[in-house]
Amino acid sequence: MSETLAGPGVSHFFHRRQKTEDKTFMKITVKLFASLRKDRFAIEKREYNPGQSVRDVLAGLDITEGEAAILFINSRHADPATILNEGDTLAVFPPVGGG
């Protein structure tokens, strides 16, 4: 692996599975917006096991589905059950208010 994952939001589940030497990981770009960046990051390339859903990524980042009100994969609206693929970009926005 060329990139190491560490820091807030990386699930223990992922770290356990990461140690499997013969596993191929998919690289996903995760973009967090507004309040979701607090104590996390703005944009990061991360590695996940194949077959991971948006819900899995959110859980690993300690983001509830209520906090992730708007989800996009590759600039298209997505939902938490969507399975991610190699090279995807996941953008996560909190609820938006205004008037």
Protein backbone atom coordinates (compact mmCIF):
# COMPACT_ATOMS: atom_id res chain seq x y z
CA MET A 1 0.00 0.00 0.00
CA SER A 2 1.29 3.42 -0.86
CA GLU A 3 -0.81 5.35 1.67
CA THR A 4 -1.31 4.71 5.35
CA LEU A 5 -4.54 5.47 7.15
CA ALA A 6 -4.43 6.80 10.64
CA GLY A 7 -6.12 9.35 12.80
CA PRO A 8 -9.67 10.15 13.78
CA GLY A 9 -12.44 8.31 12.04
CA VAL A 10 -10.55 5.24 10.84
CA SER A 11 -12.50 2.31 12.23
CA HIS A 12 -10.92 -0.50 14.19
CA PHE A 13 -12.71 -2.90 11.84
CA PHE A 14 -10.81 -1.45 8.91
CA HIS A 15 -7.46 -1.68 10.70
CA ARG A 16 -8.00 -5.36 11.52
CA ARG A 17 -8.85 -6.17 7.92
CA GLN A 18 -6.03 -3.99 6.57
CA LYS A 19 -3.45 -6.39 7.99
CA THR A 20 -4.41 -9.11 5.53
CA GLU A 21 -1.40 -9.18 3.21
CA ASP A 22 -2.98 -10.65 0.07
CA LYS A 23 -6.02 -8.33 0.02
CA THR A 24 -6.50 -5.77 -2.72
CA PHE A 25 -7.82 -2.41 -1.56
CA MET A 26 -9.77 0.18 -3.51
CA LYS A 27 -8.79 3.83 -3.32
CA ILE A 28 -11.60 6.28 -2.64
CA THR A 29 -11.38 10.07 -2.36
CA VAL A 30 -13.49 11.30 0.56
CA LYS A 31 -14.49 14.97 0.71
CA LEU A 32 -16.10 16.36 3.85
CA PHE A 33 -17.83 19.73 3.90
CA ALA A 34 -18.70 22.39 6.47
CA SER A 35 -19.09 21.13 10.06
CA LEU A 36 -18.15 17.56 9.08
CA ARG A 37 -14.53 18.70 8.66
CA LYS A 38 -14.17 19.56 12.35
CA ASP A 39 -11.55 17.24 13.89
CA ARG A 40 -11.43 15.24 10.65
CA PHE A 41 -10.19 16.46 7.25
CA ALA A 42 -11.39 18.26 4.12
CA ILE A 43 -10.19 15.86 1.41
CA GLU A 44 -8.37 12.56 1.79
CA LYS A 45 -7.56 9.59 -0.40
CA ARG A 46 -8.33 6.50 1.63
CA GLU A 47 -8.14 2.75 1.08
CA TYR A 48 -11.07 0.43 1.76
CA ASN A 49 -11.89 -3.20 1.29
CA PRO A 50 -13.84 -3.92 -1.90
CA GLY A 51 -17.60 -4.00 -1.40
CA GLN A 52 -17.71 -1.23 1.21
CA SER A 53 -20.80 0.97 1.18
CA VAL A 54 -21.14 4.67 1.84
CA ARG A 55 -22.66 3.65 5.20
CA ASP A 56 -19.46 1.72 6.06
CA VAL A 57 -17.30 4.74 5.25
CA LEU A 58 -19.52 7.06 7.31
CA ALA A 59 -19.41 4.67 10.28
CA GLY A 60 -15.62 4.54 10.08
CA LEU A 61 -15.52 8.33 10.21
CA ASP A 62 -17.98 8.50 13.15
CA ILE A 63 -20.50 10.34 10.99
CA THR A 64 -24.13 9.39 11.55
CA GLU A 65 -26.55 9.19 8.67
CA GLY A 66 -28.37 12.18 10.20
CA GLU A 67 -25.16 14.22 10.05
CA ALA A 68 -24.59 13.18 6.43
CA ALA A 69 -27.68 14.73 4.90
CA ILE A 70 -26.39 15.02 1.32
CA LEU A 71 -24.21 12.39 -0.35
CA PHE A 72 -22.63 12.41 -3.80
CA ILE A 73 -20.52 9.79 -5.55
CA ASN A 74 -18.71 11.16 -8.59
CA SER A 75 -20.99 14.24 -8.57
CA ARG A 76 -24.19 12.14 -8.59
CA HIS A 77 -26.64 11.86 -5.73
CA ALA A 78 -26.15 8.68 -3.66
CA ASP A 79 -27.59 7.01 -0.60
CA PRO A 80 -25.88 5.25 2.33
CA ALA A 81 -26.45 1.77 0.88
CA THR A 82 -24.55 2.56 -2.33
CA ILE A 83 -21.50 0.31 -2.82
CA LEU A 84 -18.31 2.19 -3.64
CA ASN A 85 -15.93 1.30 -6.47
CA GLU A 86 -12.24 1.86 -7.12
CA GLY A 87 -11.52 5.51 -7.90
CA ASP A 88 -14.86 6.88 -6.64
CA THR A 89 -15.09 10.30 -5.02
CA LEU A 90 -17.50 10.47 -2.10
CA ALA A 91 -18.67 13.95 -1.05
CA VAL A 92 -20.49 14.30 2.27
CA PHE A 93 -22.47 17.38 3.30
CA PRO A 94 -24.25 18.12 6.59
CA PRO A 95 -27.86 19.32 6.67
CA VAL A 96 -28.20 22.74 5.07
CA GLY A 97 -30.31 25.48 6.60
CA GLY A 98 -31.15 28.95 5.50
CA GLY A 99 -33.90 31.14 4.49
